[in-house]
């Protein structure tokens, strides 16, 4: 992670050192699309019925027609449910009746490489496919519903987190690595320089996948705990926690009968979760002069 950040910062520094020979464009725009979660509750495929609307704002700075920096703030929602999986696929999902919902706040910094030279308003260079990568800081907070009431899952430690002998509770603000591709297009070149600012608008279509370093985006990522020995089942809050942890277990007479034994995988600890943005953007280019040669 540290090496990746060093390379990313070095790229910005080198491009910035050479940027004085170009006419640097700046863009401000908005994004609208869908947010998609990939993890233990979606198995190996995207569940489009769980896709949720997302949106945000961003800023671009062009070092050259090939390279530009993009910073943005996106917000969306993600969710997953075991029942939406395909039971016929290889490695069929566990029947856990597991479900979660969470917001997703993403603040990112990316470097984009335009495969073709891209200049907003230029007659010959007004479109290009592009690829990108960077770093994001994201915030999430998985929640689950039980008997019509919605509970925050992380504070409860559904896998024993925070209790003696278990791991600490996972952080709700973490780092991810975004990467993806898209295509951008700028409207026609103005007939005269006086019309320049009327036409410097851009649209883009793109898809981004964010690799995270947590398996708890959905709260499922570890192992089933020892409910009867490590939880106080006479405490109403602990009683709620164990039912949120193992939804197929039964609680009666102060004793919890789990559906899965202690230590059984509750998720896939060796596979990290991910999330995606897919949509389009519209942006306005700001330029200090009317030169189309850069």
C-alpha atoms as a PDB file:
ATOM      1  CA  UNK A   1       0.000   0.000   0.000  1.00  0.00           C
ATOM      2  CA  UNK A   2       2.774   2.443   0.914  1.00  0.00           C
ATOM      3  CA  UNK A   3       4.621   1.753  -2.340  1.00  0.00           C
ATOM      4  CA  UNK A   4       1.461   2.339  -4.362  1.00  0.00           C
ATOM      5  CA  UNK A   5       0.882   5.689  -2.671  1.00  0.00           C
ATOM      6  CA  UNK A   6       4.496   6.733  -3.349  1.00  0.00           C
ATOM      7  CA  UNK A   7       4.143   5.915  -7.044  1.00  0.00           C
ATOM      8  CA  UNK A   8       0.851   7.792  -7.214  1.00  0.00           C
ATOM      9  CA  UNK A   9       2.311  10.919  -5.588  1.00  0.00           C
ATOM     10  CA  UNK A  10       5.420  10.738  -7.795  1.00  0.00           C
ATOM     11  CA  UNK A  11       3.265  10.663 -10.945  1.00  0.00           C
ATOM     12  CA  UNK A  12       1.443  13.810  -9.886  1.00  0.00           C
ATOM     13  CA  UNK A  13       4.735  15.564  -9.032  1.00  0.00           C
ATOM     14  CA  UNK A  14       6.443  14.690 -12.331  1.00  0.00           C
ATOM     15  CA  UNK A  15       3.445  15.709 -14.411  1.00  0.00           C
ATOM     16  CA  UNK A  16       3.124  18.907 -12.435  1.00  0.00           C
ATOM     17  CA  UNK A  17       6.775  19.792 -13.102  1.00  0.00           C
ATOM     18  CA  UNK A  18       6.179  19.535 -16.856  1.00  0.00           C
ATOM     19  CA  UNK A  19       2.738  21.089 -16.973  1.00  0.00           C
ATOM     20  CA  UNK A  20       3.894  24.640 -17.667  1.00  0.00           C
ATOM     21  CA  UNK A  21       4.365  23.819 -21.355  1.00  0.00           C
ATOM     22  CA  UNK A  22       0.664  23.056 -21.773  1.00  0.00           C
ATOM     23  CA  UNK A  23      -2.590  24.949 -21.490  1.00  0.00           C
ATOM     24  CA  UNK A  24      -4.105  23.137 -18.529  1.00  0.00           C
ATOM     25  CA  UNK A  25      -7.845  22.523 -18.680  1.00  0.00           C
ATOM     26  CA  UNK A  26      -9.923  22.177 -15.545  1.00  0.00           C
ATOM     27  CA  UNK A  27     -13.272  20.434 -15.260  1.00  0.00           C
ATOM     28  CA  UNK A  28     -16.031  20.495 -12.675  1.00  0.00           C
ATOM     29  CA  UNK A  29     -18.817  17.982 -13.021  1.00  0.00           C
ATOM     30  CA  UNK A  30     -21.428  15.719 -11.502  1.00  0.00           C
ATOM     31  CA  UNK A  31     -21.850  11.949 -11.631  1.00  0.00           C
ATOM     32  CA  UNK A  32     -25.020   9.848 -11.571  1.00  0.00           C
ATOM     33  CA  UNK A  33     -25.203   6.073 -11.710  1.00  0.00           C
ATOM     34  CA  UNK A  34     -25.565   2.938  -9.634  1.00  0.00           C
ATOM     35  CA  UNK A  35     -23.581   1.480  -6.773  1.00  0.00           C
ATOM     36  CA  UNK A  36     -22.970  -2.255  -6.559  1.00  0.00           C
ATOM     37  CA  UNK A  37     -21.546  -4.411  -3.777  1.00  0.00           C
ATOM     38  CA  UNK A  38     -19.493  -7.586  -4.351  1.00  0.00           C
ATOM     39  CA  UNK A  39     -18.900  -9.817  -1.382  1.00  0.00           C
ATOM     40  CA  UNK A  40     -20.030 -12.772   0.709  1.00  0.00           C
ATOM     41  CA  UNK A  41     -23.710 -12.058   0.120  1.00  0.00           C
ATOM     42  CA  UNK A  42     -23.427 -11.830  -3.673  1.00  0.00           C
ATOM     43  CA  UNK A  43     -21.057 -14.781  -4.185  1.00  0.00           C
ATOM     44  CA  UNK A  44     -19.531 -14.647  -7.675  1.00  0.00           C
ATOM     45  CA  UNK A  45     -21.986 -12.547  -9.654  1.00  0.00           C
ATOM     46  CA  UNK A  46     -23.497  -9.081  -9.611  1.00  0.00           C
ATOM     47  CA  UNK A  47     -27.083  -8.926  -8.354  1.00  0.00           C
ATOM     48  CA  UNK A  48     -28.580  -6.087 -10.370  1.00  0.00           C
ATOM     49  CA  UNK A  49     -31.760  -6.115  -8.286  1.00  0.00           C
ATOM     50  CA  UNK A  50     -29.567  -4.969  -5.389  1.00  0.00           C
ATOM     51  CA  UNK A  51     -28.003  -2.091  -7.343  1.00  0.00           C
ATOM     52  CA  UNK A  52     -28.750   1.299  -5.823  1.00  0.00           C
ATOM     53  CA  UNK A  53     -28.550   4.856  -7.102  1.00  0.00           C
ATOM     54  CA  UNK A  54     -25.383   6.797  -6.423  1.00  0.00           C
ATOM     55  CA  UNK A  55     -24.123  10.250  -7.274  1.00  0.00           C
ATOM     56  CA  UNK A  56     -21.488  12.840  -6.565  1.00  0.00           C
ATOM     57  CA  UNK A  57     -19.282  15.646  -7.782  1.00  0.00           C
ATOM     58  CA  UNK A  58     -15.735  15.713  -9.141  1.00  0.00           C
ATOM     59  CA  UNK A  59     -12.888  17.901 -10.371  1.00  0.00           C
ATOM     60  CA  UNK A  60     -10.393  17.190 -13.157  1.00  0.00           C
ATOM     61  CA  UNK A  61      -7.080  18.841 -13.916  1.00  0.00           C
ATOM     62  CA  UNK A  62      -5.369  18.082 -17.238  1.00  0.00           C
ATOM     63  CA  UNK A  63      -1.586  17.975 -17.146  1.00  0.00           C
ATOM     64  CA  UNK A  64      -1.489  16.968 -20.826  1.00  0.00           C
ATOM     65  CA  UNK A  65      -4.044  15.674 -23.347  1.00  0.00           C
ATOM     66  CA  UNK A  66      -3.041  12.176 -22.196  1.00  0.00           C
ATOM     67  CA  UNK A  67      -2.857  12.530 -18.417  1.00  0.00           C
ATOM     68  CA  UNK A  68      -5.190  14.150 -15.956  1.00  0.00           C
ATOM     69  CA  UNK A  69      -5.929  14.103 -12.256  1.00  0.00           C
ATOM     70  CA  UNK A  70      -9.452  13.524 -10.921  1.00  0.00           C
ATOM     71  CA  UNK A  71     -10.699  14.062  -7.408  1.00  0.00           C
ATOM     72  CA  UNK A  72     -14.255  13.395  -6.331  1.00  0.00           C
ATOM     73  CA  UNK A  73     -16.790  12.744  -3.616  1.00  0.00           C
ATOM     74  CA  UNK A  74     -19.433  10.066  -4.329  1.00  0.00           C
ATOM     75  CA  UNK A  75     -22.282   8.817  -2.193  1.00  0.00           C
ATOM     76  CA  UNK A  76     -24.460   5.748  -2.639  1.00  0.00           C
ATOM     77  CA  UNK A  77     -26.014   2.760  -0.913  1.00  0.00           C
ATOM     78  CA  UNK A  78     -25.189  -0.930  -1.043  1.00  0.00           C
ATOM     79  CA  UNK A  79     -27.003  -4.030   0.125  1.00  0.00           C
ATOM     80  CA  UNK A  80     -26.919  -7.799  -0.125  1.00  0.00           C
ATOM     81  CA  UNK A  81     -29.166 -10.741   0.631  1.00  0.00           C
ATOM     82  CA  UNK A  82     -28.428 -14.454   0.509  1.00  0.00           C
ATOM     83  CA  UNK A  83     -31.826 -15.172  -0.996  1.00  0.00           C
ATOM     84  CA  UNK A  84     -30.898 -13.276  -4.185  1.00  0.00           C
ATOM     85  CA  UNK A  85     -28.178 -15.756  -5.099  1.00  0.00           C
ATOM     86  CA  UNK A  86     -28.501 -18.387  -7.788  1.00  0.00           C
ATOM     87  CA  UNK A  87     -28.758 -21.738  -5.958  1.00  0.00           C
ATOM     88  CA  UNK A  88     -27.812 -23.649  -9.128  1.00  0.00           C
ATOM     89  CA  UNK A  89     -24.398 -22.069  -9.640  1.00  0.00           C
ATOM     90  CA  UNK A  90     -21.155 -23.801  -8.694  1.00  0.00           C
ATOM     91  CA  UNK A  91     -20.367 -23.449  -5.024  1.00  0.00           C
ATOM     92  CA  UNK A  92     -23.982 -22.644  -4.149  1.00  0.00           C
ATOM     93  CA  UNK A  93     -24.420 -20.019  -1.449  1.00  0.00           C
ATOM     94  CA  UNK A  94     -25.049 -20.896   2.145  1.00  0.00           C
ATOM     95  CA  UNK A  95     -28.634 -20.647   3.241  1.00  0.00           C
ATOM     96  CA  UNK A  96     -27.952 -18.194   6.064  1.00  0.00           C
ATOM     97  CA  UNK A  97     -30.863 -15.804   5.428  1.00  0.00           C
ATOM     98  CA  UNK A  98     -28.181 -13.144   5.780  1.00  0.00           C
ATOM     99  CA  UNK A  99     -28.842  -9.564   4.710  1.00  0.00           C
ATOM    100  CA  UNK A 100     -27.366  -6.111   5.193  1.00  0.00           C
ATOM    101  CA  UNK A 101     -27.656  -2.521   4.019  1.00  0.00           C
ATOM    102  CA  UNK A 102     -25.148   0.311   4.247  1.00  0.00           C
ATOM    103  CA  UNK A 103     -24.414   3.778   2.985  1.00  0.00           C
ATOM    104  CA  UNK A 104     -21.169   4.305   1.067  1.00  0.00           C
ATOM    105  CA  UNK A 105     -19.281   7.599   1.131  1.00  0.00           C
ATOM    106  CA  UNK A 106     -16.259   7.613  -1.176  1.00  0.00           C
ATOM    107  CA  UNK A 107     -13.613  10.339  -1.439  1.00  0.00           C
ATOM    108  CA  UNK A 108     -11.096   9.536  -4.158  1.00  0.00           C
ATOM    109  CA  UNK A 109      -8.011  10.797  -5.979  1.00  0.00           C
ATOM    110  CA  UNK A 110      -7.205   9.203  -9.338  1.00  0.00           C
ATOM    111  CA  UNK A 111      -4.863   9.453 -12.292  1.00  0.00           C
ATOM    112  CA  UNK A 112      -6.510   8.982 -15.682  1.00  0.00           C
ATOM    113  CA  UNK A 113      -4.749   8.026 -18.895  1.00  0.00           C
ATOM    114  CA  UNK A 114      -6.524   9.015 -22.102  1.00  0.00           C
ATOM    115  CA  UNK A 115      -5.736   6.414 -24.750  1.00  0.00           C
ATOM    116  CA  UNK A 116      -6.243   9.090 -27.416  1.00  0.00           C
ATOM    117  CA  UNK A 117      -5.179  12.715 -26.890  1.00  0.00           C
ATOM    118  CA  UNK A 118      -8.206  14.460 -25.416  1.00  0.00           C
ATOM    119  CA  UNK A 119      -8.879  18.198 -25.761  1.00  0.00           C
ATOM    120  CA  UNK A 120     -12.291  19.576 -24.929  1.00  0.00           C
ATOM    121  CA  UNK A 121     -13.787  21.425 -27.898  1.00  0.00           C
ATOM    122  CA  UNK A 122     -11.161  20.207 -30.328  1.00  0.00           C
ATOM    123  CA  UNK A 123     -12.626  19.015 -33.636  1.00  0.00           C
ATOM    124  CA  UNK A 124     -10.254  16.038 -33.974  1.00  0.00           C
ATOM    125  CA  UNK A 125      -9.482  15.233 -30.324  1.00  0.00           C
ATOM    126  CA  UNK A 126     -12.850  15.554 -28.672  1.00  0.00           C
ATOM    127  CA  UNK A 127     -13.264  11.924 -27.574  1.00  0.00           C
ATOM    128  CA  UNK A 128     -11.176   9.180 -26.050  1.00  0.00           C
ATOM    129  CA  UNK A 129     -11.429   5.930 -24.117  1.00  0.00           C
ATOM    130  CA  UNK A 130      -9.497   6.088 -20.859  1.00  0.00           C
ATOM    131  CA  UNK A 131      -8.288   3.991 -17.942  1.00  0.00           C
ATOM    132  CA  UNK A 132      -7.612   5.031 -14.368  1.00  0.00           C
ATOM    133  CA  UNK A 133      -6.492   4.045 -10.908  1.00  0.00           C
ATOM    134  CA  UNK A 134      -5.859   5.807  -7.631  1.00  0.00           C
ATOM    135  CA  UNK A 135      -6.798   5.673  -3.976  1.00  0.00           C
ATOM    136  CA  UNK A 136     -10.093   6.169  -2.107  1.00  0.00           C
ATOM    137  CA  UNK A 137     -11.071   6.741   1.480  1.00  0.00           C
ATOM    138  CA  UNK A 138     -14.518   5.316   2.106  1.00  0.00           C
ATOM    139  CA  UNK A 139     -16.956   5.144   4.983  1.00  0.00           C
ATOM    140  CA  UNK A 140     -19.647   2.515   5.503  1.00  0.00           C
ATOM    141  CA  UNK A 141     -21.875   1.211   8.281  1.00  0.00           C
ATOM    142  CA  UNK A 142     -23.588  -2.178   7.725  1.00  0.00           C
ATOM    143  CA  UNK A 143     -27.029  -2.586   9.256  1.00  0.00           C
ATOM    144  CA  UNK A 144     -29.322  -5.567   9.649  1.00  0.00           C
ATOM    145  CA  UNK A 145     -33.029  -5.932  10.322  1.00  0.00           C
ATOM    146  CA  UNK A 146     -34.533  -8.171  12.988  1.00  0.00           C
ATOM    147  CA  UNK A 147     -38.258  -8.305  13.729  1.00  0.00           C
ATOM    148  CA  UNK A 148     -38.836  -5.044  11.884  1.00  0.00           C
ATOM    149  CA  UNK A 149     -36.091  -3.133  13.730  1.00  0.00           C
ATOM    150  CA  UNK A 150     -32.863  -2.020  12.020  1.00  0.00           C
ATOM    151  CA  UNK A 151     -29.614  -2.375  13.998  1.00  0.00           C
ATOM    152  CA  UNK A 152     -26.064  -1.211  13.368  1.00  0.00           C
ATOM    153  CA  UNK A 153     -23.971  -4.374  13.182  1.00  0.00           C
ATOM    154  CA  UNK A 154     -20.377  -3.221  13.761  1.00  0.00           C
ATOM    155  CA  UNK A 155     -20.918  -1.927  17.343  1.00  0.00           C
ATOM    156  CA  UNK A 156     -22.472  -5.280  18.297  1.00  0.00           C
ATOM    157  CA  UNK A 157     -19.540  -7.462  17.271  1.00  0.00           C
ATOM    158  CA  UNK A 158     -21.574 -10.180  15.561  1.00  0.00           C
ATOM    159  CA  UNK A 159     -18.471 -12.382  15.262  1.00  0.00           C
ATOM    160  CA  UNK A 160     -17.336 -11.664  18.807  1.00  0.00           C
ATOM    161  CA  UNK A 161     -15.225  -8.639  17.821  1.00  0.00           C
ATOM    162  CA  UNK A 162     -14.181  -6.584  20.814  1.00  0.00           C
ATOM    163  CA  UNK A 163     -14.698  -9.399  23.320  1.00  0.00           C
ATOM    164  CA  UNK A 164     -11.852 -11.226  25.107  1.00  0.00           C
ATOM    165  CA  UNK A 165     -10.213 -13.744  22.801  1.00  0.00           C
ATOM    166  CA  UNK A 166     -11.610 -12.210  19.618  1.00  0.00           C
ATOM    167  CA  UNK A 167     -10.385  -9.677  17.075  1.00  0.00           C
ATOM    168  CA  UNK A 168     -10.947  -5.933  17.523  1.00  0.00           C
ATOM    169  CA  UNK A 169     -13.950  -4.376  15.833  1.00  0.00           C
ATOM    170  CA  UNK A 170     -13.335  -3.490  12.203  1.00  0.00           C
ATOM    171  CA  UNK A 171     -12.981   0.173  11.212  1.00  0.00           C
ATOM    172  CA  UNK A 172     -15.869   1.881   9.438  1.00  0.00           C
ATOM    173  CA  UNK A 173     -13.541   4.219   7.519  1.00  0.00           C
ATOM    174  CA  UNK A 174     -10.969   2.473   5.348  1.00  0.00           C
ATOM    175  CA  UNK A 175      -8.901   2.725   2.161  1.00  0.00           C
ATOM    176  CA  UNK A 176      -9.685   1.123  -1.198  1.00  0.00           C
ATOM    177  CA  UNK A 177      -8.037   1.045  -4.621  1.00  0.00           C
ATOM    178  CA  UNK A 178     -10.279   2.161  -7.503  1.00  0.00           C
ATOM    179  CA  UNK A 179      -9.555   1.073 -11.059  1.00  0.00           C
ATOM    180  CA  UNK A 180     -11.556   0.961 -14.240  1.00  0.00           C
ATOM    181  CA  UNK A 181     -12.176   2.389 -17.667  1.00  0.00           C
ATOM    182  CA  UNK A 182     -14.529   4.692 -19.534  1.00  0.00           C
ATOM    183  CA  UNK A 183     -15.069   6.846 -22.571  1.00  0.00           C
ATOM    184  CA  UNK A 184     -15.358  10.632 -22.640  1.00  0.00           C
ATOM    185  CA  UNK A 185     -16.681  12.978 -25.299  1.00  0.00           C
ATOM    186  CA  UNK A 186     -16.585  16.748 -25.717  1.00  0.00           C
ATOM    187  CA  UNK A 187     -19.150  18.651 -27.759  1.00  0.00           C
ATOM    188  CA  UNK A 188     -18.174  20.215 -31.099  1.00  0.00           C
ATOM    189  CA  UNK A 189     -15.485  22.815 -31.489  1.00  0.00           C
ATOM    190  CA  UNK A 190     -16.868  26.388 -31.495  1.00  0.00           C
ATOM    191  CA  UNK A 191     -16.780  28.348 -34.722  1.00  0.00           C
ATOM    192  CA  UNK A 192     -14.989  31.239 -33.033  1.00  0.00           C
ATOM    193  CA  UNK A 193     -13.143  31.873 -29.829  1.00  0.00           C
ATOM    194  CA  UNK A 194     -16.061  33.977 -28.560  1.00  0.00           C
ATOM    195  CA  UNK A 195     -18.171  30.857 -28.466  1.00  0.00           C
ATOM    196  CA  UNK A 196     -15.586  28.762 -26.632  1.00  0.00           C
ATOM    197  CA  UNK A 197     -17.188  28.696 -23.194  1.00  0.00           C
ATOM    198  CA  UNK A 198     -20.575  27.830 -24.687  1.00  0.00           C
ATOM    199  CA  UNK A 199     -19.314  24.500 -25.970  1.00  0.00           C
ATOM    200  CA  UNK A 200     -16.736  23.258 -23.484  1.00  0.00           C
ATOM    201  CA  UNK A 201     -19.006  20.583 -22.048  1.00  0.00           C
ATOM    202  CA  UNK A 202     -18.095  16.921 -21.631  1.00  0.00           C
ATOM    203  CA  UNK A 203     -19.997  13.708 -21.067  1.00  0.00           C
ATOM    204  CA  UNK A 204     -18.527  10.383 -19.998  1.00  0.00           C
ATOM    205  CA  UNK A 205     -19.601   6.819 -19.344  1.00  0.00           C
ATOM    206  CA  UNK A 206     -17.488   4.671 -17.061  1.00  0.00           C
ATOM    207  CA  UNK A 207     -17.257   1.775 -14.654  1.00  0.00           C
ATOM    208  CA  UNK A 208     -15.069   1.625 -11.557  1.00  0.00           C
ATOM    209  CA  UNK A 209     -14.363  -1.266  -9.208  1.00  0.00           C
ATOM    210  CA  UNK A 210     -12.900  -0.559  -5.792  1.00  0.00           C
ATOM    211  CA  UNK A 211     -10.741  -3.221  -4.183  1.00  0.00           C
ATOM    212  CA  UNK A 212     -11.038  -2.994  -0.421  1.00  0.00           C
ATOM    213  CA  UNK A 213      -8.838  -4.440   2.310  1.00  0.00           C
ATOM    214  CA  UNK A 214     -11.714  -5.637   4.479  1.00  0.00           C
ATOM    215  CA  UNK A 215     -14.047  -8.609   4.337  1.00  0.00           C
ATOM    216  CA  UNK A 216     -16.577  -6.834   6.555  1.00  0.00           C
ATOM    217  CA  UNK A 217     -18.210  -4.435   4.117  1.00  0.00           C
ATOM    218  CA  UNK A 218     -21.282  -6.634   4.676  1.00  0.00           C
ATOM    219  CA  UNK A 219     -20.339  -7.510   8.307  1.00  0.00           C
ATOM    220  CA  UNK A 220     -19.717 -11.126   7.220  1.00  0.00           C
ATOM    221  CA  UNK A 221     -16.027 -11.963   7.152  1.00  0.00           C
ATOM    222  CA  UNK A 222     -14.929 -14.154  10.019  1.00  0.00           C
ATOM    223  CA  UNK A 223     -16.184 -17.127  12.009  1.00  0.00           C
ATOM    224  CA  UNK A 224     -19.185 -17.969  14.141  1.00  0.00           C
ATOM    225  CA  UNK A 225     -18.385 -17.253  17.824  1.00  0.00           C
ATOM    226  CA  UNK A 226     -19.211 -19.262  20.930  1.00  0.00           C
ATOM    227  CA  UNK A 227     -22.576 -17.705  21.727  1.00  0.00           C
ATOM    228  CA  UNK A 228     -23.389 -19.476  24.980  1.00  0.00           C
ATOM    229  CA  UNK A 229     -19.994 -18.989  26.642  1.00  0.00           C
ATOM    230  CA  UNK A 230     -18.863 -15.595  25.316  1.00  0.00           C
ATOM    231  CA  UNK A 231     -22.195 -13.728  25.264  1.00  0.00           C
ATOM    232  CA  UNK A 232     -24.458 -12.867  28.195  1.00  0.00           C
ATOM    233  CA  UNK A 233     -27.741 -14.159  26.831  1.00  0.00           C
ATOM    234  CA  UNK A 234     -29.673 -12.750  29.792  1.00  0.00           C
ATOM    235  CA  UNK A 235     -28.715  -9.302  28.488  1.00  0.00           C
ATOM    236  CA  UNK A 236     -31.354  -8.206  25.935  1.00  0.00           C
ATOM    237  CA  UNK A 237     -28.703  -6.536  23.762  1.00  0.00           C
ATOM    238  CA  UNK A 238     -26.541  -9.656  23.604  1.00  0.00           C
ATOM    239  CA  UNK A 239     -29.662 -11.695  22.850  1.00  0.00           C
ATOM    240  CA  UNK A 240     -30.334  -9.440  19.834  1.00  0.00           C
ATOM    241  CA  UNK A 241     -26.698  -9.684  18.724  1.00  0.00           C
ATOM    242  CA  UNK A 242     -26.621 -13.492  18.592  1.00  0.00           C
ATOM    243  CA  UNK A 243     -29.827 -13.561  16.553  1.00  0.00           C
ATOM    244  CA  UNK A 244     -28.390 -11.045  14.101  1.00  0.00           C
ATOM    245  CA  UNK A 245     -25.217 -13.123  13.909  1.00  0.00           C
ATOM    246  CA  UNK A 246     -26.854 -16.507  13.217  1.00  0.00           C
ATOM    247  CA  UNK A 247     -30.343 -15.892  11.868  1.00  0.00           C
ATOM    248  CA  UNK A 248     -31.175 -19.588  11.653  1.00  0.00           C
ATOM    249  CA  UNK A 249     -30.356 -20.253  15.288  1.00  0.00           C
ATOM    250  CA  UNK A 250     -32.991 -20.323  18.046  1.00  0.00           C
ATOM    251  CA  UNK A 251     -32.968 -18.587  21.415  1.00  0.00           C
ATOM    252  CA  UNK A 252     -35.070 -20.156  24.171  1.00  0.00           C
ATOM    253  CA  UNK A 253     -34.809 -20.219  27.953  1.00  0.00           C
ATOM    254  CA  UNK A 254     -31.556 -18.260  27.959  1.00  0.00           C
ATOM    255  CA  UNK A 255     -29.858 -20.832  25.707  1.00  0.00           C
ATOM    256  CA  UNK A 256     -28.985 -20.201  22.077  1.00  0.00           C
ATOM    257  CA  UNK A 257     -28.992 -23.160  19.704  1.00  0.00           C
ATOM    258  CA  UNK A 258     -26.904 -22.064  16.703  1.00  0.00           C
ATOM    259  CA  UNK A 259     -27.406 -23.333  13.194  1.00  0.00           C
ATOM    260  CA  UNK A 260     -23.643 -23.321  12.623  1.00  0.00           C
ATOM    261  CA  UNK A 261     -21.003 -24.560  15.083  1.00  0.00           C
ATOM    262  CA  UNK A 262     -18.464 -22.340  16.789  1.00  0.00           C
ATOM    263  CA  UNK A 263     -15.538 -21.615  14.489  1.00  0.00           C
ATOM    264  CA  UNK A 264     -17.414 -22.344  11.261  1.00  0.00           C
ATOM    265  CA  UNK A 265     -16.787 -19.784   8.509  1.00  0.00           C
ATOM    266  CA  UNK A 266     -19.419 -17.064   8.562  1.00  0.00           C
ATOM    267  CA  UNK A 267     -18.000 -15.473   5.417  1.00  0.00           C
ATOM    268  CA  UNK A 268     -14.889 -15.926   3.285  1.00  0.00           C
ATOM    269  CA  UNK A 269     -12.016 -14.542   5.397  1.00  0.00           C
ATOM    270  CA  UNK A 270      -9.508 -15.056   2.571  1.00  0.00           C
ATOM    271  CA  UNK A 271     -11.523 -12.977   0.050  1.00  0.00           C
ATOM    272  CA  UNK A 272     -11.864  -9.215   0.462  1.00  0.00           C
ATOM    273  CA  UNK A 273     -15.064  -7.386  -0.464  1.00  0.00           C
ATOM    274  CA  UNK A 274     -15.381  -4.822  -3.249  1.00  0.00           C
ATOM    275  CA  UNK A 275     -17.806  -2.218  -4.540  1.00  0.00           C
ATOM    276  CA  UNK A 276     -18.495  -0.677  -7.935  1.00  0.00           C
ATOM    277  CA  UNK A 277     -19.676   2.578  -9.478  1.00  0.00           C
ATOM    278  CA  UNK A 278     -21.281   2.446 -12.917  1.00  0.00           C
ATOM    279  CA  UNK A 279     -22.810   5.475 -14.604  1.00  0.00           C
ATOM    280  CA  UNK A 280     -22.302   8.674 -16.534  1.00  0.00           C
ATOM    281  CA  UNK A 281     -21.088  12.183 -15.857  1.00  0.00           C
ATOM    282  CA  UNK A 282     -21.435  15.656 -17.301  1.00  0.00           C
ATOM    283  CA  UNK A 283     -18.810  18.306 -16.740  1.00  0.00           C
ATOM    284  CA  UNK A 284     -17.828  21.838 -17.731  1.00  0.00           C
ATOM    285  CA  UNK A 285     -14.311  22.676 -18.919  1.00  0.00           C
ATOM    286  CA  UNK A 286     -12.657  25.929 -17.841  1.00  0.00           C
ATOM    287  CA  UNK A 287      -9.748  27.194 -19.922  1.00  0.00           C
ATOM    288  CA  UNK A 288      -7.597  30.293 -19.545  1.00  0.00           C
ATOM    289  CA  UNK A 289      -7.063  30.714 -23.282  1.00  0.00           C
ATOM    290  CA  UNK A 290      -8.458  29.490 -26.586  1.00  0.00           C
ATOM    291  CA  UNK A 291      -5.471  27.480 -27.787  1.00  0.00           C
ATOM    292  CA  UNK A 292      -6.418  24.050 -29.142  1.00  0.00           C
ATOM    293  CA  UNK A 293      -2.866  22.880 -29.751  1.00  0.00           C
ATOM    294  CA  UNK A 294      -2.055  21.366 -26.367  1.00  0.00           C
END
